[in-house]
């Protein structure tokens, strides 16, 4: 853990969406903007540039994969803007997670507090959270489930720059960040 001397924790946040006007990217940026002072959130807006995970690349890791693993290994928290595609994660999100889960046993995505933020059609991404959350938990992480951030039709209310026309969304994201901080301090 990177529990800093001043009591602050660090978070790495990324969006699993490629859309220019993605509400999930907006949720990640909103989390960075609304984070309490004790939680420093860094947005990794370059995760979509990772090459597809291929075990053959483990012998000589691509520079971006090394950067990604080091960024997550050095963080206390991982915040994911997780779009739901066909009831599952996007290829971008799945690929980013795959890079973090190798090599098994010593992977970078272990011992983290994880917050999933989703926006999607009428269901708001509830199915993808139900699918991905348990897997991330089995990898040795604490997934903060409550309050659930599943925003139905978020593209109508959340801008990719992290602003919203609905103040209740900001309240919900702030409550999720407070729950993340509580999970960190309870350790």
Protein backbone atom coordinates (compact mmCIF):
# COMPACT_ATOMS: atom_id res chain seq x y z
CA UNK A 1 0.00 0.00 0.00
CA UNK A 2 1.09 3.54 -0.62
CA UNK A 3 -0.42 5.01 2.53
CA UNK A 4 1.43 8.33 2.52
CA UNK A 5 2.87 10.00 5.60
CA UNK A 6 0.20 12.68 5.43
CA UNK A 7 -2.59 10.10 5.62
CA UNK A 8 -3.41 10.31 1.91
CA UNK A 9 -4.08 7.37 -0.35
CA UNK A 10 -3.58 7.14 -4.09
CA UNK A 11 -5.99 5.92 -6.72
CA UNK A 12 -5.52 5.09 -10.38
CA UNK A 13 -8.66 5.54 -12.45
CA UNK A 14 -9.45 4.50 -16.00
CA UNK A 15 -12.34 4.27 -18.39
CA UNK A 16 -13.07 1.16 -20.37
CA UNK A 17 -14.72 3.20 -23.11
CA UNK A 18 -13.32 4.47 -26.40
CA UNK A 19 -16.22 6.83 -27.04
CA UNK A 20 -15.20 10.48 -27.31
CA UNK A 21 -18.27 11.58 -25.32
CA UNK A 22 -18.32 8.62 -22.94
CA UNK A 23 -20.37 8.93 -19.76
CA UNK A 24 -18.09 6.28 -18.20
CA UNK A 25 -15.05 8.46 -18.91
CA UNK A 26 -17.06 11.30 -17.40
CA UNK A 27 -17.68 9.26 -14.24
CA UNK A 28 -13.94 8.62 -13.86
CA UNK A 29 -13.13 12.29 -14.31
CA UNK A 30 -15.94 13.22 -11.93
CA UNK A 31 -14.45 10.88 -9.33
CA UNK A 32 -11.07 12.59 -9.73
CA UNK A 33 -12.69 15.99 -9.30
CA UNK A 34 -14.84 15.02 -6.31
CA UNK A 35 -12.27 12.92 -4.45
CA UNK A 36 -11.82 13.83 -0.79
CA UNK A 37 -8.50 15.40 0.15
CA UNK A 38 -7.24 12.10 1.58
CA UNK A 39 -7.61 10.38 -1.81
CA UNK A 40 -5.41 11.50 -4.69
CA UNK A 41 -6.92 10.23 -7.96
CA UNK A 42 -4.79 9.96 -11.10
CA UNK A 43 -6.63 9.30 -14.36
CA UNK A 44 -4.84 6.95 -16.75
CA UNK A 45 -6.38 8.21 -19.97
CA UNK A 46 -3.94 6.15 -22.04
CA UNK A 47 -5.15 2.65 -21.08
CA UNK A 48 -6.94 2.16 -24.42
CA UNK A 49 -3.51 2.25 -26.08
CA UNK A 50 -2.40 -0.97 -24.39
CA UNK A 51 -1.73 -3.76 -26.88
CA UNK A 52 -4.03 -6.75 -26.60
CA UNK A 53 -2.88 -9.03 -23.85
CA UNK A 54 -0.83 -11.91 -25.23
CA UNK A 55 1.13 -14.30 -22.96
CA UNK A 56 3.90 -14.34 -25.57
CA UNK A 57 4.63 -10.70 -24.65
CA UNK A 58 5.42 -11.60 -21.03
CA UNK A 59 9.04 -12.38 -21.92
CA UNK A 60 9.61 -8.81 -23.05
CA UNK A 61 6.78 -6.63 -21.78
CA UNK A 62 5.67 -3.68 -23.89
CA UNK A 63 6.59 -0.36 -22.30
CA UNK A 64 2.96 0.65 -21.88
CA UNK A 65 2.15 -2.63 -20.11
CA UNK A 66 5.01 -2.02 -17.67
CA UNK A 67 3.77 1.53 -17.08
CA UNK A 68 0.23 0.24 -16.46
CA UNK A 69 1.29 -2.47 -14.04
CA UNK A 70 3.54 -0.08 -12.13
CA UNK A 71 0.80 2.57 -11.89
CA UNK A 72 -1.65 0.08 -10.42
CA UNK A 73 0.91 -1.62 -8.19
CA UNK A 74 1.72 1.79 -6.68
CA UNK A 75 -1.91 2.68 -5.97
CA UNK A 76 -4.18 1.81 -3.07
CA UNK A 77 -7.36 2.13 -5.11
CA UNK A 78 -8.47 1.31 -8.64
CA UNK A 79 -11.48 3.19 -10.01
CA UNK A 80 -12.99 1.80 -13.19
CA UNK A 81 -15.46 3.51 -15.52
CA UNK A 82 -16.93 0.25 -16.75
CA UNK A 83 -19.20 0.29 -19.79
CA UNK A 84 -21.54 -2.63 -20.34
CA UNK A 85 -21.38 -4.20 -23.80
CA UNK A 86 -23.68 -7.18 -24.34
CA UNK A 87 -23.96 -7.63 -20.55
CA UNK A 88 -20.15 -7.83 -20.16
CA UNK A 89 -17.13 -5.53 -20.03
CA UNK A 90 -15.80 -3.72 -23.06
CA UNK A 91 -12.68 -5.08 -24.74
CA UNK A 92 -10.72 -2.07 -23.43
CA UNK A 93 -11.68 -2.76 -19.81
CA UNK A 94 -11.14 -6.50 -20.11
CA UNK A 95 -7.74 -6.00 -21.74
CA UNK A 96 -6.62 -3.54 -19.05
CA UNK A 97 -7.67 -6.01 -16.34
CA UNK A 98 -5.98 -8.93 -18.14
CA UNK A 99 -2.65 -7.07 -18.20
CA UNK A 100 -2.94 -6.50 -14.45
CA UNK A 101 -3.70 -10.11 -13.50
CA UNK A 102 -0.42 -11.59 -14.74
CA UNK A 103 1.75 -13.14 -13.61
CA UNK A 104 -0.64 -15.03 -11.36
CA UNK A 105 0.24 -14.84 -7.69
CA UNK A 106 2.30 -11.66 -8.01
CA UNK A 107 0.02 -9.56 -10.18
CA UNK A 108 -0.44 -5.80 -9.84
CA UNK A 109 -4.19 -6.04 -9.21
CA UNK A 110 -3.96 -7.51 -5.73
CA UNK A 111 -4.77 -5.99 -2.36
CA UNK A 112 -6.53 -2.97 -3.83
CA UNK A 113 -9.79 -1.30 -2.97
CA UNK A 114 -11.78 -1.23 -6.21
CA UNK A 115 -14.69 1.00 -7.19
CA UNK A 116 -16.74 0.21 -10.28
CA UNK A 117 -18.68 3.10 -11.82
CA UNK A 118 -20.99 2.29 -14.69
CA UNK A 119 -23.28 4.06 -17.05
CA UNK A 120 -25.21 2.41 -19.79
CA UNK A 121 -28.62 1.92 -21.33
CA UNK A 122 -31.71 1.56 -19.21
CA UNK A 123 -30.02 -0.81 -16.73
CA UNK A 124 -27.11 1.52 -16.02
CA UNK A 125 -24.52 -1.25 -16.20
CA UNK A 126 -25.76 -3.44 -13.37
CA UNK A 127 -25.03 -6.66 -15.27
CA UNK A 128 -21.39 -5.81 -15.96
CA UNK A 129 -20.82 -4.92 -12.31
CA UNK A 130 -22.37 -8.24 -11.29
CA UNK A 131 -20.05 -10.06 -13.71
CA UNK A 132 -16.77 -8.20 -13.09
CA UNK A 133 -17.02 -7.41 -9.37
CA UNK A 134 -16.74 -11.01 -8.12
CA UNK A 135 -13.78 -11.73 -10.42
CA UNK A 136 -11.87 -8.70 -9.15
CA UNK A 137 -12.71 -9.75 -5.59
CA UNK A 138 -11.38 -13.27 -6.18
CA UNK A 139 -8.10 -11.73 -7.32
CA UNK A 140 -7.51 -10.52 -3.76
CA UNK A 141 -9.18 -7.13 -3.74
CA UNK A 142 -11.90 -5.36 -1.80
CA UNK A 143 -14.69 -4.32 -4.17
CA UNK A 144 -16.74 -1.46 -2.71
CA UNK A 145 -20.25 -2.37 -3.77
CA UNK A 146 -22.32 0.18 -1.87
CA UNK A 147 -23.46 2.59 -2.91
CA UNK A 148 -23.75 1.19 -6.41
CA UNK A 149 -22.97 3.71 -9.13
CA UNK A 150 -25.06 2.45 -12.05
CA UNK A 151 -26.36 5.37 -14.05
CA UNK A 152 -29.10 4.60 -16.54
CA UNK A 153 -28.89 6.60 -19.75
CA UNK A 154 -25.87 8.47 -18.43
CA UNK A 155 -24.90 9.80 -21.85
CA UNK A 156 -27.86 12.14 -21.54
CA UNK A 157 -26.68 13.54 -18.17
CA UNK A 158 -22.91 13.05 -17.89
CA UNK A 159 -20.30 14.77 -20.05
CA UNK A 160 -16.96 13.12 -20.77
CA UNK A 161 -15.25 16.03 -19.00
CA UNK A 162 -16.73 14.88 -15.69
CA UNK A 163 -19.58 17.34 -15.35
CA UNK A 164 -23.25 16.52 -15.08
CA UNK A 165 -26.64 18.15 -15.36
CA UNK A 166 -27.88 15.97 -12.50
CA UNK A 167 -26.51 16.89 -9.06
CA UNK A 168 -27.73 13.55 -7.67
CA UNK A 169 -25.07 11.81 -9.77
CA UNK A 170 -22.34 13.89 -8.12
CA UNK A 171 -23.82 13.06 -4.72
CA UNK A 172 -23.75 9.35 -5.57
CA UNK A 173 -20.15 9.42 -6.85
CA UNK A 174 -19.05 11.37 -3.76
CA UNK A 175 -20.76 8.78 -1.55
CA UNK A 176 -18.92 5.99 -3.40
CA UNK A 177 -15.60 7.77 -2.81
CA UNK A 178 -16.45 8.16 0.88
CA UNK A 179 -17.12 4.40 1.01
CA UNK A 180 -13.77 3.77 -0.70
CA UNK A 181 -12.02 5.90 1.91
CA UNK A 182 -13.84 4.06 4.69
CA UNK A 183 -12.72 0.72 3.24
CA UNK A 184 -9.12 1.97 3.12
CA UNK A 185 -9.09 3.19 6.69
CA UNK A 186 -10.78 0.00 7.97
CA UNK A 187 -7.84 -2.12 6.86
